[in-house]
Amino acid sequence: MNKIIIGVLPQILLKTDDNPYNDKYEFLDLYCKKIFSCDGIPIGICLNNGKLDKDVLDLCDAFLLPGGNKIWDCYYEVIDYAIRNNKPLLGICLGFQAISIYSMILDMGMSNFTIDNFIKSYEKLKEENGGIVLKQIENNNHRKLKVNYDNVDLARHKVNIIDKSSYLYETIKKAEINPVSLHSFTPIGVGSNFKITAIADDGVIEGIEYNNKDYFILGVCFHPEWDDDNKIFKRLVMEAKKRNGK
């Protein structure tokens, strides 16, 4: 197969720890639609009774971490795998927040990634920051609670791409965009191996990426899947093609 395979993490509800048939996985069709339209093939990354299988990740050329309501441990496993294996990764909203948390934990000197080690560092980071790893946005104009799928334009706001050397600027080719924004939380910081590439008018971080151009690890807090153009998704597919010769 010559097409790029992009692994998409679902939002997961594990109803019980001992009954995999009770697991619930939710995928937003818009992500898959965008990937298909860019000549990629989306596949769902499902867990084996709550555990992520590395063999599933080996099947993928790139990854997408979607928005949602809870960051599961497997988000961090996929981020670490993508960096260690130089496979492109795009995080959107909640996926972006997971990348920001991972970036701060990298600065804590975690050389041997295991979920147990990560959780210990996560708890330490939380303790050092008053019990939080994400902060709620005050006077939040980033999430319009009355927005529905018939009128997402209510949730658009201005985002400034501040780093013209970034993948984000190279891809969109604009310093100012007006994307759909549906988040209520923002990172408390970004690790030294990552850089901030976009911010909103009120200073809320909207884009980060790995600070090494040999890698494509990009996080955006806005929702490019609601835009007509497919630039960010096309770039994800293109970066995967560059790395595996497809």
Protein backbone atom coordinates (compact mmCIF):
# COMPACT_ATOMS: atom_id res chain seq x y z
CA MET A 1 0.00 0.00 0.00
CA ASN A 2 1.38 3.40 -1.05
CA LYS A 3 -1.00 5.57 0.95
CA ILE A 4 -0.11 7.10 4.29
CA ILE A 5 -1.72 5.44 7.30
CA ILE A 6 -2.59 7.86 10.10
CA GLY A 7 -3.46 6.45 13.50
CA VAL A 8 -6.24 8.38 15.23
CA LEU A 9 -6.68 8.04 18.98
CA PRO A 10 -10.31 7.97 20.07
CA GLN A 11 -11.87 9.40 23.15
CA ILE A 12 -12.20 6.37 25.39
CA LEU A 13 -14.62 5.30 28.09
CA LEU A 14 -13.43 2.18 29.92
CA LYS A 15 -16.54 1.13 31.78
CA THR A 16 -14.74 -1.69 33.62
CA ASP A 17 -11.13 -2.79 33.83
CA ASP A 18 -11.88 -6.45 33.23
CA ASN A 19 -14.42 -6.37 30.41
CA PRO A 20 -13.03 -5.14 27.08
CA TYR A 21 -16.45 -5.58 25.44
CA ASN A 22 -17.75 -2.73 27.58
CA ASP A 23 -15.17 -0.26 26.27
CA LYS A 24 -16.51 2.69 24.30
CA TYR A 25 -14.52 4.49 21.60
CA GLU A 26 -15.61 7.76 20.00
CA PHE A 27 -14.10 9.11 16.77
CA LEU A 28 -15.09 12.44 15.24
CA ASP A 29 -15.90 11.82 11.60
CA LEU A 30 -14.50 15.20 10.53
CA TYR A 31 -10.93 14.14 11.34
CA CYS A 32 -11.23 10.99 9.23
CA LYS A 33 -12.92 12.91 6.41
CA LYS A 34 -10.02 15.38 6.27
CA ILE A 35 -7.42 12.60 6.25
CA PHE A 36 -9.21 10.74 3.43
CA SER A 37 -9.46 13.98 1.41
CA CYS A 38 -5.68 14.40 1.70
CA ASP A 39 -5.01 10.93 0.28
CA GLY A 40 -4.31 9.35 3.65
CA ILE A 41 -5.98 6.44 5.38
CA PRO A 42 -7.18 6.93 8.97
CA ILE A 43 -7.21 3.95 11.29
CA GLY A 44 -8.49 3.91 14.85
CA ILE A 45 -6.04 3.05 17.61
CA CYS A 46 -8.02 0.90 20.01
CA LEU A 47 -6.71 -0.37 23.33
CA ASN A 48 -6.33 -3.95 24.50
CA ASN A 49 -8.31 -3.90 27.75
CA GLY A 50 -6.96 -0.46 28.59
CA LYS A 51 -3.41 -1.06 27.31
CA LEU A 52 -1.79 0.38 24.19
CA ASP A 53 -0.07 -2.18 21.96
CA LYS A 54 3.16 -0.95 20.31
CA ASP A 55 2.53 -3.24 17.32
CA VAL A 56 -0.49 -1.09 16.48
CA LEU A 57 1.69 2.05 16.47
CA ASP A 58 4.22 0.34 14.19
CA LEU A 59 1.49 0.04 11.55
CA CYS A 60 1.08 3.84 11.40
CA ASP A 61 3.06 6.39 9.40
CA ALA A 62 1.75 9.36 11.42
CA PHE A 63 -0.67 10.15 14.24
CA LEU A 64 -3.53 12.47 15.11
CA LEU A 65 -4.47 13.23 18.72
CA PRO A 66 -8.00 14.68 18.65
CA GLY A 67 -9.95 16.96 20.91
CA GLY A 68 -12.09 15.56 23.70
CA ASN A 69 -12.78 15.66 27.42
CA LYS A 70 -10.02 13.62 29.03
CA ILE A 71 -6.33 13.03 28.35
CA TRP A 72 -5.71 9.30 28.70
CA ASP A 73 -2.26 7.87 29.41
CA CYS A 74 -2.12 6.49 25.87
CA TYR A 75 -1.92 10.06 24.52
CA TYR A 76 1.48 10.45 26.17
CA GLU A 77 2.60 7.03 24.95
CA VAL A 78 1.80 8.00 21.36
CA ILE A 79 3.62 11.34 21.68
CA ASP A 80 6.72 9.63 23.07
CA TYR A 81 6.59 6.93 20.38
CA ALA A 82 6.21 9.54 17.60
CA ILE A 83 9.27 11.48 18.78
CA ARG A 84 11.46 8.42 19.36
CA ASN A 85 10.57 7.03 15.93
CA ASN A 86 10.41 10.37 14.08
CA LYS A 87 6.83 9.87 12.92
CA PRO A 88 4.73 13.02 12.32
CA LEU A 89 2.11 13.86 14.90
CA LEU A 90 -0.69 16.45 14.98
CA GLY A 91 -2.44 17.26 18.26
CA ILE A 92 -5.70 19.23 18.18
CA CYS A 93 -7.21 20.94 21.26
CA LEU A 94 -6.97 18.19 23.91
CA GLY A 95 -4.18 16.60 21.84
CA PHE A 96 -2.35 19.93 21.89
CA GLN A 97 -2.76 20.10 25.68
CA ALA A 98 -1.32 16.60 26.03
CA ILE A 99 1.74 17.66 24.00
CA SER A 100 2.23 20.69 26.27
CA ILE A 101 2.15 18.52 29.39
CA TYR A 102 4.53 15.99 27.84
CA SER A 103 6.91 18.85 26.93
CA MET A 104 7.09 20.05 30.54
CA ILE A 105 7.73 16.56 31.84
CA LEU A 106 10.62 16.19 29.37
CA ASP A 107 12.27 19.09 31.19
CA MET A 108 12.09 17.12 34.43
CA GLY A 109 14.73 14.72 33.13
CA MET A 110 12.61 11.66 32.36
CA SER A 111 15.06 9.69 30.16
CA ASN A 112 13.37 6.29 30.36
CA PHE A 113 9.75 6.61 29.29
CA THR A 114 7.33 4.22 30.91
CA ILE A 115 3.80 5.02 31.96
CA ASP A 116 4.77 4.46 35.61
CA ASN A 117 7.71 6.88 35.33
CA PHE A 118 5.56 9.37 33.45
CA ILE A 119 2.82 9.30 36.09
CA LYS A 120 5.36 9.90 38.86
CA SER A 121 6.74 12.92 36.98
CA TYR A 122 3.19 14.09 36.20
CA GLU A 123 2.24 14.02 39.87
CA LYS A 124 5.41 15.92 40.77
CA LEU A 125 4.71 18.56 38.09
CA LYS A 126 1.17 18.90 39.40
CA GLU A 127 2.37 19.28 42.98
CA GLU A 128 4.91 21.94 41.96
CA ASN A 129 2.18 23.97 40.23
CA GLY A 130 -0.52 24.14 42.87
CA GLY A 131 -2.30 20.95 41.84
CA ILE A 132 -2.81 21.76 38.14
CA VAL A 133 -1.12 20.99 34.82
CA LEU A 134 -3.61 23.06 32.79
CA LYS A 135 -5.25 26.29 33.88
CA GLN A 136 -8.78 27.40 33.20
CA ILE A 137 -9.08 30.43 30.96
CA GLU A 138 -10.54 33.39 32.84
CA ASN A 139 -13.32 35.36 31.16
CA ASN A 140 -13.23 32.66 28.54
CA ASN A 141 -14.06 33.83 25.04
CA HIS A 142 -12.43 30.75 23.52
CA ARG A 143 -15.36 28.45 24.11
CA LYS A 144 -18.82 29.57 23.06
CA LEU A 145 -21.11 27.28 25.05
CA LYS A 146 -24.10 27.93 22.80
CA VAL A 147 -22.27 26.98 19.63
CA ASN A 148 -23.61 23.94 17.80
CA TYR A 149 -22.53 22.03 14.74
CA ASP A 150 -24.87 24.08 12.58
CA ASN A 151 -23.13 27.35 13.43
CA VAL A 152 -19.52 26.84 14.48
CA ASP A 153 -18.69 30.30 13.13
CA LEU A 154 -19.90 31.63 16.49
CA ALA A 155 -16.77 30.09 17.99
CA ARG A 156 -14.22 31.73 15.69
CA HIS A 157 -11.62 34.12 17.07
CA LYS A 158 -8.34 35.67 15.98
CA VAL A 159 -5.09 33.74 16.36
CA ASN A 160 -1.66 35.22 15.62
CA ILE A 161 1.08 32.97 14.25
CA ILE A 162 4.11 34.57 15.87
CA ASP A 163 6.94 32.34 14.62
CA LYS A 164 7.55 32.67 10.90
CA SER A 165 10.12 29.86 10.98
CA SER A 166 7.51 27.42 12.27
CA TYR A 167 5.83 24.58 10.41
CA LEU A 168 2.52 26.24 11.24
CA TYR A 169 3.43 29.48 9.43
CA GLU A 170 5.02 27.59 6.53
CA THR A 171 1.80 25.60 6.15
CA ILE A 172 -0.83 28.32 6.51
CA LYS A 173 1.29 31.17 5.08
CA LYS A 174 -0.55 33.78 7.15
CA ALA A 175 0.36 35.66 10.29
CA GLU A 176 -3.28 35.98 11.34
CA ILE A 177 -6.07 33.40 11.13
CA ASN A 178 -9.64 33.13 12.38
CA PRO A 179 -10.21 29.49 13.33
CA VAL A 180 -12.87 27.71 15.38
CA SER A 181 -11.94 27.63 19.06
CA LEU A 182 -13.71 25.40 21.57
CA HIS A 183 -11.38 25.09 24.56
CA SER A 184 -11.65 26.16 28.20
CA PHE A 185 -8.10 25.37 29.37
CA THR A 186 -4.60 26.48 28.42
CA PRO A 187 -1.12 25.12 29.24
CA ILE A 188 0.62 26.36 32.38
CA GLY A 189 3.86 26.28 30.38
CA VAL A 190 5.80 24.72 27.53
CA GLY A 191 8.99 22.69 27.88
CA SER A 192 12.34 23.85 26.50
CA ASN A 193 12.31 21.27 23.67
CA PHE A 194 9.17 22.90 22.28
CA LYS A 195 8.36 26.41 21.12
CA ILE A 196 5.21 28.52 21.11
CA THR A 197 4.18 29.32 17.55
CA ALA A 198 0.75 30.94 17.90
CA ILE A 199 -1.18 32.93 20.50
CA ALA A 200 -4.61 34.54 20.73
CA ASP A 201 -5.10 38.26 21.30
CA ASP A 202 -5.51 37.67 25.04
CA GLY A 203 -2.20 35.77 25.27
CA VAL A 204 -3.67 32.26 25.38
CA ILE A 205 -1.31 29.78 23.68
CA GLU A 206 -2.79 28.41 20.45
CA GLY A 207 0.12 26.57 18.81
CA ILE A 208 3.29 24.71 19.83
CA GLU A 209 5.73 22.44 18.04
CA TYR A 210 8.87 20.43 18.64
CA ASN A 211 11.88 22.72 18.39
CA ASN A 212 13.71 20.58 15.83
CA LYS A 213 12.88 20.85 12.13
CA ASP A 214 13.87 17.21 11.57
CA TYR A 215 10.65 16.27 13.37
CA PHE A 216 7.03 17.20 12.73
CA ILE A 217 5.34 17.32 16.12
CA LEU A 218 2.67 20.03 15.95
CA GLY A 219 -0.04 21.01 18.41
CA VAL A 220 -2.84 23.51 17.79
CA CYS A 221 -5.53 24.42 20.29
CA PHE A 222 -7.96 25.55 17.60
CA HIS A 223 -9.92 23.19 15.34
CA PRO A 224 -8.65 23.08 11.72
CA GLU A 225 -11.06 20.25 10.90
CA TRP A 226 -13.86 22.85 10.77
CA ASP A 227 -12.13 24.89 8.06
CA ASP A 228 -12.69 24.39 4.34
CA ASP A 229 -8.99 24.21 3.52
CA ASN A 230 -7.04 21.10 4.42
CA LYS A 231 -3.60 22.68 4.73
CA ILE A 232 -2.64 21.29 8.14
CA PHE A 233 -3.87 17.79 7.30
CA LYS A 234 -2.13 17.87 3.91
CA ARG A 235 1.08 18.86 5.69
CA LEU A 236 0.74 15.94 8.11
CA VAL A 237 0.39 13.50 5.19
CA MET A 238 3.25 15.14 3.27
CA GLU A 239 5.61 14.97 6.25
CA ALA A 240 4.81 11.27 6.66
CA LYS A 241 5.54 10.66 2.98
CA LYS A 242 8.91 12.39 3.30
CA ARG A 243 9.93 10.05 6.10
CA ASN A 244 8.95 6.70 4.62
CA GLY A 245 9.30 7.20 0.87
CA LYS A 246 5.66 6.53 -0.01
